[in-house]
Amino acid sequence: MKIRYFSDTDTALIEFSSVPVVETKEISENLYIDLDEKGNLVSMTIEHAKEKASISEVSFLQMEKTMMSL
């Protein structure tokens, strides 16, 4: 996964894979998703990212699978 931020347009691009995009859907006025030929998520674009998604503070946490006992 790659996160790219374009300060000149205040746009964030989150890429989940590098497969070709065949369709872009507008989710809301500032949120777009790109899908592959099977309908899987390829990337997401957030317009006005600082205001709408708090992009100025980004962190990544990988959660490990845990076993729960009853």
PDB file of N, CA and C in Angstrom:
ATOM      1  N   MET A   1       0.850  -1.169   0.000  1.00  0.00           N
ATOM      2  CA  MET A   1       0.000   0.000   0.000  1.00  0.00           C
ATOM      3  C   MET A   1       0.896   1.232   0.000  1.00  0.00           C
ATOM      4  N   LYS A   2       0.486   2.217  -0.789  1.00  0.00           N
ATOM      5  CA  LYS A   2       1.197   3.491  -0.857  1.00  0.00           C
ATOM      6  C   LYS A   2       0.208   4.615  -0.582  1.00  0.00           C
ATOM      7  N   ILE A   3       0.661   5.593   0.176  1.00  0.00           N
ATOM      8  CA  ILE A   3      -0.139   6.794   0.395  1.00  0.00           C
ATOM      9  C   ILE A   3       0.662   7.962  -0.164  1.00  0.00           C
ATOM     10  N   ARG A   4       0.047   8.690  -1.069  1.00  0.00           N
ATOM     11  CA  ARG A   4       0.700   9.855  -1.667  1.00  0.00           C
ATOM     12  C   ARG A   4      -0.149  11.088  -1.373  1.00  0.00           C
ATOM     13  N   TYR A   5       0.523  12.155  -0.988  1.00  0.00           N
ATOM     14  CA  TYR A   5      -0.175  13.403  -0.697  1.00  0.00           C
ATOM     15  C   TYR A   5       0.353  14.485  -1.626  1.00  0.00           C
ATOM     16  N   PHE A   6      -0.554  15.179  -2.300  1.00  0.00           N
ATOM     17  CA  PHE A   6      -0.214  16.251  -3.224  1.00  0.00           C
ATOM     18  C   PHE A   6      -0.643  17.568  -2.588  1.00  0.00           C
ATOM     19  N   SER A   7       0.328  18.291  -2.035  1.00  0.00           N
ATOM     20  CA  SER A   7       0.019  19.505  -1.277  1.00  0.00           C
ATOM     21  C   SER A   7      -0.558  20.614  -2.145  1.00  0.00           C
ATOM     22  N   ASP A   8      -0.182  20.661  -3.422  1.00  0.00           N
ATOM     23  CA  ASP A   8      -0.686  21.736  -4.286  1.00  0.00           C
ATOM     24  C   ASP A   8      -2.197  21.640  -4.523  1.00  0.00           C
ATOM     25  N   THR A   9      -2.761  20.430  -4.416  1.00  0.00           N
ATOM     26  CA  THR A   9      -4.209  20.261  -4.597  1.00  0.00           C
ATOM     27  C   THR A   9      -4.893  19.735  -3.337  1.00  0.00           C
ATOM     28  N   ASP A  10      -4.126  19.523  -2.258  1.00  0.00           N
ATOM     29  CA  ASP A  10      -4.634  18.955  -1.002  1.00  0.00           C
ATOM     30  C   ASP A  10      -5.393  17.653  -1.268  1.00  0.00           C
ATOM     31  N   THR A  11      -4.728  16.775  -2.023  1.00  0.00           N
ATOM     32  CA  THR A  11      -5.318  15.507  -2.433  1.00  0.00           C
ATOM     33  C   THR A  11      -4.465  14.354  -1.921  1.00  0.00           C
ATOM     34  N   ALA A  12      -5.135  13.337  -1.372  1.00  0.00           N
ATOM     35  CA  ALA A  12      -4.444  12.120  -0.940  1.00  0.00           C
ATOM     36  C   ALA A  12      -4.857  10.981  -1.853  1.00  0.00           C
ATOM     37  N   LEU A  13      -3.886  10.185  -2.257  1.00  0.00           N
ATOM     38  CA  LEU A  13      -4.130   9.006  -3.074  1.00  0.00           C
ATOM     39  C   LEU A  13      -3.616   7.801  -2.297  1.00  0.00           C
ATOM     40  N   ILE A  14      -4.497   6.883  -1.997  1.00  0.00           N
ATOM     41  CA  ILE A  14      -4.129   5.662  -1.274  1.00  0.00           C
ATOM     42  C   ILE A  14      -4.235   4.509  -2.263  1.00  0.00           C
ATOM     43  N   GLU A  15      -3.103   3.895  -2.568  1.00  0.00           N
ATOM     44  CA  GLU A  15      -3.062   2.806  -3.540  1.00  0.00           C
ATOM     45  C   GLU A  15      -2.937   1.475  -2.801  1.00  0.00           C
ATOM     46  N   PHE A  16      -3.884   0.582  -3.054  1.00  0.00           N
ATOM     47  CA  PHE A  16      -3.892  -0.725  -2.409  1.00  0.00           C
ATOM     48  C   PHE A  16      -3.258  -1.798  -3.282  1.00  0.00           C
ATOM     49  N   SER A  17      -3.272  -1.615  -4.583  1.00  0.00           N
ATOM     50  CA  SER A  17      -2.629  -2.547  -5.506  1.00  0.00           C
ATOM     51  C   SER A  17      -2.260  -1.797  -6.773  1.00  0.00           C
ATOM     52  N   SER A  18      -1.527  -2.476  -7.647  1.00  0.00           N
ATOM     53  CA  SER A  18      -1.084  -1.819  -8.879  1.00  0.00           C
ATOM     54  C   SER A  18      -1.781  -2.394 -10.111  1.00  0.00           C
ATOM     55  N   VAL A  19      -2.880  -3.101  -9.929  1.00  0.00           N
ATOM     56  CA  VAL A  19      -3.606  -3.643 -11.080  1.00  0.00           C
ATOM     57  C   VAL A  19      -4.320  -2.506 -11.816  1.00  0.00           C
ATOM     58  N   PRO A  20      -4.597  -2.692 -13.091  1.00  0.00           N
ATOM     59  CA  PRO A  20      -5.243  -1.627 -13.867  1.00  0.00           C
ATOM     60  C   PRO A  20      -6.644  -1.278 -13.344  1.00  0.00           C
ATOM     61  N   VAL A  21      -6.942   0.006 -13.369  1.00  0.00           N
ATOM     62  CA  VAL A  21      -8.253   0.513 -12.965  1.00  0.00           C
ATOM     63  C   VAL A  21      -9.179   0.466 -14.179  1.00  0.00           C
ATOM     64  N   VAL A  22     -10.389  -0.077 -13.976  1.00  0.00           N
ATOM     65  CA  VAL A  22     -11.361  -0.092 -15.064  1.00  0.00           C
ATOM     66  C   VAL A  22     -12.577   0.783 -14.769  1.00  0.00           C
ATOM     67  N   GLU A  23     -12.738   1.189 -13.511  1.00  0.00           N
ATOM     68  CA  GLU A  23     -13.881   2.018 -13.157  1.00  0.00           C
ATOM     69  C   GLU A  23     -13.557   2.888 -11.947  1.00  0.00           C
ATOM     70  N   THR A  24     -13.994   4.130 -11.986  1.00  0.00           N
ATOM     71  CA  THR A  24     -13.890   5.044 -10.849  1.00  0.00           C
ATOM     72  C   THR A  24     -15.296   5.401 -10.416  1.00  0.00           C
ATOM     73  N   LYS A  25     -15.551   5.274  -9.100  1.00  0.00           N
ATOM     74  CA  LYS A  25     -16.862   5.612  -8.557  1.00  0.00           C
ATOM     75  C   LYS A  25     -16.727   6.783  -7.596  1.00  0.00           C
ATOM     76  N   GLU A  26     -17.659   7.736  -7.726  1.00  0.00           N
ATOM     77  CA  GLU A  26     -17.710   8.858  -6.793  1.00  0.00           C
ATOM     78  C   GLU A  26     -18.554   8.416  -5.600  1.00  0.00           C
ATOM     79  N   ILE A  27     -17.930   8.347  -4.427  1.00  0.00           N
ATOM     80  CA  ILE A  27     -18.615   7.947  -3.208  1.00  0.00           C
ATOM     81  C   ILE A  27     -19.289   9.162  -2.574  1.00  0.00           C
ATOM     82  N   SER A  28     -18.588  10.271  -2.588  1.00  0.00           N
ATOM     83  CA  SER A  28     -19.135  11.544  -2.131  1.00  0.00           C
ATOM     84  C   SER A  28     -18.413  12.647  -2.896  1.00  0.00           C
ATOM     85  N   GLU A  29     -18.716  13.882  -2.566  1.00  0.00           N
ATOM     86  CA  GLU A  29     -18.124  15.011  -3.288  1.00  0.00           C
ATOM     87  C   GLU A  29     -16.597  15.009  -3.250  1.00  0.00           C
ATOM     88  N   ASN A  30     -16.014  14.450  -2.194  1.00  0.00           N
ATOM     89  CA  ASN A  30     -14.559  14.493  -2.023  1.00  0.00           C
ATOM     90  C   ASN A  30     -13.899  13.122  -1.948  1.00  0.00           C
ATOM     91  N   LEU A  31     -14.631  12.064  -2.242  1.00  0.00           N
ATOM     92  CA  LEU A  31     -14.098  10.709  -2.105  1.00  0.00           C
ATOM     93  C   LEU A  31     -14.413   9.881  -3.345  1.00  0.00           C
ATOM     94  N   TYR A  32     -13.367   9.314  -3.943  1.00  0.00           N
ATOM     95  CA  TYR A  32     -13.504   8.495  -5.146  1.00  0.00           C
ATOM     96  C   TYR A  32     -12.768   7.180  -4.924  1.00  0.00           C
ATOM     97  N   ILE A  33     -13.327   6.086  -5.453  1.00  0.00           N
ATOM     98  CA  ILE A  33     -12.634   4.805  -5.397  1.00  0.00           C
ATOM     99  C   ILE A  33     -12.433   4.282  -6.809  1.00  0.00           C
ATOM    100  N   ASP A  34     -11.321   3.608  -7.003  1.00  0.00           N
ATOM    101  CA  ASP A  34     -10.999   2.982  -8.278  1.00  0.00           C
ATOM    102  C   ASP A  34     -11.091   1.477  -8.107  1.00  0.00           C
ATOM    103  N   LEU A  35     -11.716   0.823  -9.083  1.00  0.00           N
ATOM    104  CA  LEU A  35     -11.940  -0.613  -9.029  1.00  0.00           C
ATOM    105  C   LEU A  35     -11.279  -1.306 -10.215  1.00  0.00           C
ATOM    106  N   ASP A  36     -10.894  -2.577 -10.010  1.00  0.00           N
ATOM    107  CA  ASP A  36     -10.347  -3.366 -11.102  1.00  0.00           C
ATOM    108  C   ASP A  36     -11.475  -4.062 -11.854  1.00  0.00           C
ATOM    109  N   GLU A  37     -11.132  -4.936 -12.789  1.00  0.00           N
ATOM    110  CA  GLU A  37     -12.155  -5.583 -13.613  1.00  0.00           C
ATOM    111  C   GLU A  37     -13.063  -6.521 -12.828  1.00  0.00           C
ATOM    112  N   LYS A  38     -12.626  -6.956 -11.642  1.00  0.00           N
ATOM    113  CA  LYS A  38     -13.444  -7.833 -10.809  1.00  0.00           C
ATOM    114  C   LYS A  38     -14.208  -7.070  -9.739  1.00  0.00           C
ATOM    115  N   GLY A  39     -14.077  -5.753  -9.735  1.00  0.00           N
ATOM    116  CA  GLY A  39     -14.765  -4.932  -8.741  1.00  0.00           C
ATOM    117  C   GLY A  39     -14.009  -4.780  -7.441  1.00  0.00           C
ATOM    118  N   ASN A  40     -12.747  -5.199  -7.415  1.00  0.00           N
ATOM    119  CA  ASN A  40     -11.919  -5.067  -6.215  1.00  0.00           C
ATOM    120  C   ASN A  40     -11.337  -3.658  -6.121  1.00  0.00           C
ATOM    121  N   LEU A  41     -11.161  -3.189  -4.898  1.00  0.00           N
ATOM    122  CA  LEU A  41     -10.620  -1.858  -4.647  1.00  0.00           C
ATOM    123  C   LEU A  41      -9.150  -1.793  -5.043  1.00  0.00           C
ATOM    124  N   VAL A  42      -8.812  -0.814  -5.872  1.00  0.00           N
ATOM    125  CA  VAL A  42      -7.435  -0.588  -6.301  1.00  0.00           C
ATOM    126  C   VAL A  42      -6.855   0.619  -5.578  1.00  0.00           C
ATOM    127  N   SER A  43      -7.628   1.718  -5.549  1.00  0.00           N
ATOM    128  CA  SER A  43      -7.143   2.931  -4.898  1.00  0.00           C
ATOM    129  C   SER A  43      -8.315   3.809  -4.476  1.00  0.00           C
ATOM    130  N   MET A  44      -7.971   4.801  -3.649  1.00  0.00           N
ATOM    131  CA  MET A  44      -8.965   5.744  -3.141  1.00  0.00           C
ATOM    132  C   MET A  44      -8.348   7.139  -3.209  1.00  0.00           C
ATOM    133  N   THR A  45      -9.125   8.100  -3.681  1.00  0.00           N
ATOM    134  CA  THR A  45      -8.679   9.484  -3.751  1.00  0.00           C
ATOM    135  C   THR A  45      -9.533  10.321  -2.816  1.00  0.00           C
ATOM    136  N   ILE A  46      -8.863  11.136  -1.999  1.00  0.00           N
ATOM    137  CA  ILE A  46      -9.552  12.020  -1.061  1.00  0.00           C
ATOM    138  C   ILE A  46      -9.181  13.458  -1.413  1.00  0.00           C
ATOM    139  N   GLU A  47     -10.170  14.218  -1.858  1.00  0.00           N
ATOM    140  CA  GLU A  47      -9.978  15.643  -2.144  1.00  0.00           C
ATOM    141  C   GLU A  47     -10.125  16.418  -0.837  1.00  0.00           C
ATOM    142  N   HIS A  48      -9.434  17.558  -0.717  1.00  0.00           N
ATOM    143  CA  HIS A  48      -9.456  18.374   0.499  1.00  0.00           C
ATOM    144  C   HIS A  48      -9.065  17.498   1.702  1.00  0.00           C
ATOM    145  N   ALA A  49      -7.987  16.751   1.535  1.00  0.00           N
ATOM    146  CA  ALA A  49      -7.593  15.708   2.478  1.00  0.00           C
ATOM    147  C   ALA A  49      -7.286  16.223   3.880  1.00  0.00           C
ATOM    148  N   LYS A  50      -6.651  17.362   4.014  1.00  0.00           N
ATOM    149  CA  LYS A  50      -6.343  17.870   5.356  1.00  0.00           C
ATOM    150  C   LYS A  50      -7.607  18.150   6.139  1.00  0.00           C
ATOM    151  N   GLU A  51      -8.599  18.730   5.468  1.00  0.00           N
ATOM    152  CA  GLU A  51      -9.850  19.082   6.131  1.00  0.00           C
ATOM    153  C   GLU A  51     -10.756  17.863   6.326  1.00  0.00           C
ATOM    154  N   LYS A  52     -10.896  17.035   5.311  1.00  0.00           N
ATOM    155  CA  LYS A  52     -11.881  15.953   5.330  1.00  0.00           C
ATOM    156  C   LYS A  52     -11.372  14.669   5.969  1.00  0.00           C
ATOM    157  N   ALA A  53     -10.050  14.437   5.940  1.00  0.00           N
ATOM    158  CA  ALA A  53      -9.530  13.148   6.410  1.00  0.00           C
ATOM    159  C   ALA A  53      -8.376  13.279   7.395  1.00  0.00           C
ATOM    160  N   SER A  54      -8.118  14.468   7.895  1.00  0.00           N
ATOM    161  CA  SER A  54      -7.009  14.686   8.844  1.00  0.00           C
ATOM    162  C   SER A  54      -5.706  14.063   8.335  1.00  0.00           C
ATOM    163  N   ILE A  55      -5.415  14.279   7.065  1.00  0.00           N
ATOM    164  CA  ILE A  55      -4.254  13.653   6.431  1.00  0.00           C
ATOM    165  C   ILE A  55      -2.934  14.166   6.996  1.00  0.00           C
ATOM    166  N   SER A  56      -2.952  15.259   7.739  1.00  0.00           N
ATOM    167  CA  SER A  56      -1.708  15.775   8.307  1.00  0.00           C
ATOM    168  C   SER A  56      -1.165  14.851   9.387  1.00  0.00           C
ATOM    169  N   GLU A  57      -1.991  13.943   9.869  1.00  0.00           N
ATOM    170  CA  GLU A  57      -1.539  12.984  10.884  1.00  0.00           C
ATOM    171  C   GLU A  57      -1.904  11.579  10.427  1.00  0.00           C
ATOM    172  N   VAL A  58      -0.915  10.860   9.885  1.00  0.00           N
ATOM    173  CA  VAL A  58      -1.149   9.521   9.362  1.00  0.00           C
ATOM    174  C   VAL A  58      -0.260   8.544  10.114  1.00  0.00           C
ATOM    175  N   SER A  59      -0.823   7.423  10.530  1.00  0.00           N
ATOM    176  CA  SER A  59      -0.024   6.376  11.148  1.00  0.00           C
ATOM    177  C   SER A  59      -0.488   5.026  10.614  1.00  0.00           C
ATOM    178  N   PHE A  60       0.360   4.038  10.742  1.00  0.00           N
ATOM    179  CA  PHE A  60       0.053   2.698  10.260  1.00  0.00           C
ATOM    180  C   PHE A  60       0.314   1.719  11.385  1.00  0.00           C
ATOM    181  N   LEU A  61      -0.678   0.923  11.708  1.00  0.00           N
ATOM    182  CA  LEU A  61      -0.532  -0.114  12.721  1.00  0.00           C
ATOM    183  C   LEU A  61      -0.938  -1.439  12.105  1.00  0.00           C
ATOM    184  N   GLN A  62      -0.078  -2.419  12.183  1.00  0.00           N
ATOM    185  CA  GLN A  62      -0.429  -3.749  11.692  1.00  0.00           C
ATOM    186  C   GLN A  62      -0.851  -4.580  12.886  1.00  0.00           C
ATOM    187  N   MET A  63      -2.065  -5.038  12.839  1.00  0.00           N
ATOM    188  CA  MET A  63      -2.607  -5.817  13.951  1.00  0.00           C
ATOM    189  C   MET A  63      -2.320  -7.297  13.722  1.00  0.00           C
ATOM    190  N   GLU A  64      -1.789  -7.932  14.720  1.00  0.00           N
ATOM    191  CA  GLU A  64      -1.494  -9.353  14.640  1.00  0.00           C
ATOM    192  C   GLU A  64      -2.733 -10.147  15.006  1.00  0.00           C
ATOM    193  N   LYS A  65      -2.874 -11.284  14.380  1.00  0.00           N
ATOM    194  CA  LYS A  65      -3.992 -12.168  14.675  1.00  0.00           C
ATOM    195  C   LYS A  65      -3.784 -12.750  16.072  1.00  0.00           C
ATOM    196  N   THR A  66      -4.815 -12.686  16.890  1.00  0.00           N
ATOM    197  CA  THR A  66      -4.713 -13.224  18.247  1.00  0.00           C
ATOM    198  C   THR A  66      -5.739 -14.321  18.425  1.00  0.00           C
ATOM    199  N   MET A  67      -5.413 -15.271  19.255  1.00  0.00           N
ATOM    200  CA  MET A  67      -6.319 -16.364  19.559  1.00  0.00           C
ATOM    201  C   MET A  67      -7.086 -15.991  20.826  1.00  0.00           C
ATOM    202  N   MET A  68      -8.399 -16.140  20.770  1.00  0.00           N
ATOM    203  CA  MET A  68      -9.221 -15.871  21.932  1.00  0.00           C
ATOM    204  C   MET A  68      -9.638 -17.191  22.556  1.00  0.00           C
ATOM    205  N   SER A  69      -9.474 -17.326  23.865  1.00  0.00           N
ATOM    206  CA  SER A  69      -9.936 -18.538  24.538  1.00  0.00           C
ATOM    207  C   SER A  69     -11.254 -18.284  25.231  1.00  0.00           C
ATOM    208  N   LEU A  70     -12.051 -19.300  25.251  1.00  0.00           N
ATOM    209  CA  LEU A  70     -13.353 -19.187  25.916  1.00  0.00           C
ATOM    210  C   LEU A  70     -13.283 -19.725  27.318  1.00  0.00           C
TER     211      LEU A  70
END
